[in-house]
Every structure is written in structure tokens, then in C-alpha cells.
Protein backbone atom coordinates (compact mmCIF):
# COMPACT_ATOMS: atom_id res chain seq x y z
CA MET A 1 0.00 0.00 0.00
CA TYR A 2 1.34 3.41 -0.94
CA LEU A 3 0.95 6.58 1.08
CA SER A 4 1.07 10.21 0.02
CA VAL A 5 3.48 12.66 1.63
CA LYS A 6 0.64 14.03 3.76
CA GLU A 7 -0.41 10.56 4.97
CA THR A 8 3.20 9.66 5.73
CA ALA A 9 3.65 12.88 7.70
CA GLU A 10 0.57 12.03 9.77
CA LEU A 11 1.78 8.47 10.29
CA LEU A 12 5.20 9.61 11.49
CA ALA A 13 3.85 12.67 13.36
CA VAL A 14 6.14 15.08 11.49
CA SER A 15 5.56 17.87 8.99
CA GLU A 16 5.16 17.30 5.24
CA ILE A 17 8.30 19.36 4.66
CA LYS A 18 10.26 17.00 6.92
CA VAL A 19 8.98 13.99 4.94
CA LYS A 20 9.98 15.60 1.64
CA ASN A 21 13.42 16.42 3.03
CA LEU A 22 13.84 12.80 4.19
CA ILE A 23 12.87 11.61 0.70
CA LEU A 24 15.38 13.97 -0.92
CA GLN A 25 18.07 12.75 1.50
CA ASN A 26 17.23 9.12 0.56
CA GLN A 27 16.23 8.29 4.12
CA ILE A 28 12.71 7.40 2.97
CA ARG A 29 12.29 5.43 -0.24
CA ALA A 30 9.65 6.91 -2.54
CA ILE A 31 8.42 6.83 -6.11
CA PHE A 32 7.69 10.05 -7.96
CA ASP A 33 4.59 9.59 -10.17
CA GLY A 34 4.93 12.92 -11.97
CA ASN A 35 2.77 14.84 -9.50
CA ASP A 36 3.71 13.68 -6.03
CA TYR A 37 5.79 11.15 -4.15
CA LEU A 38 4.33 7.77 -3.24
CA ILE A 39 5.79 6.03 -0.20
CA ASN A 40 5.50 2.31 0.50
CA ARG A 41 4.07 1.87 4.00
CA GLU A 42 5.84 -1.46 4.55
CA GLN A 43 9.23 0.23 4.96
CA PHE A 44 8.07 1.63 8.32
CA ASN A 45 7.08 -1.71 9.88
CA THR A 46 10.55 -2.33 11.32
CA HIS A 47 10.68 1.22 12.67
CA PHE A 48 7.36 0.87 14.47
CA LYS A 49 8.33 -2.55 15.87
CA GLN A 50 11.51 -1.05 17.29
CA VAL A 51 9.57 1.87 18.78
CA GLU A 52 7.18 -0.57 20.50
CA LYS A 53 10.09 -2.60 21.90
CA TYR A 54 11.70 0.58 23.22
CA LYS A 55 8.43 1.72 24.83
CA LYS A 56 8.07 -1.64 26.60
CA PHE A 57 11.69 -1.47 27.78
CA VAL A 58 11.22 2.05 29.16
CA GLU A 59 8.00 1.00 30.93
CA GLU A 60 9.82 -1.96 32.52
CA VAL A 61 12.67 0.26 33.69
CA TRP A 62 10.28 2.82 35.16
CA SER A 63 8.21 0.16 36.93
CA GLU A 64 11.23 -1.42 38.69
CA PRO A 65 11.35 -0.56 42.37
CA ILE A 66 14.27 1.52 43.55
CA PRO A 67 16.57 -0.67 45.65
CA GLU A 68 17.14 0.35 49.22
CA ASP A 69 20.57 1.89 49.78
CA LEU A 70 22.50 -0.26 52.24
CA ASP A 71 25.03 2.50 52.98
CA ILE A 72 22.49 4.77 54.66
CA LYS A 73 23.09 4.88 58.39
CA ASP A 74 20.42 5.68 60.85
CA GLU A 75 21.37 8.91 62.58
CA ASP A 76 19.76 9.71 65.89
């Protein structure tokens, strides 16, 4: 399935100008049909899988309890 620049910008939550710049820098593969660029959606699957893995990792880190510091001495 192909996406337009506008749809890709919405998918990635960036501006259309940013998407066009990424296309021109060959960071996003696209086909120019004479009027606009068409971007294959499948190329983002790996990116979104990595983002999900990172989100889960961050949630796990944040949910870990803070260990009690054994060097703290009780001062009276």
C-alpha cells in the first residue's frame, strides 16, 4: 500500500516538509509519479516494531522498584 506525503507525515507525526526532506536525502524510499511522491508503507514496519520494543523497555525500567541503599546509616 502506498501513502502520500501528507499521509506519511501524519503516520510519522512530522511535517510534510520534513517527509519531503527525508525523501530527498534518501532516508525514505519513494516513487515520484509525476505529481507527487508515493511512499510504500511497509518500509516503516521495522521502525514501528523497534519503537514498540523501546516503549516496553522504558515501561519496565520505570516500573522497577528503587533498591534500598544499604550504605544509609540511621542517625539519631
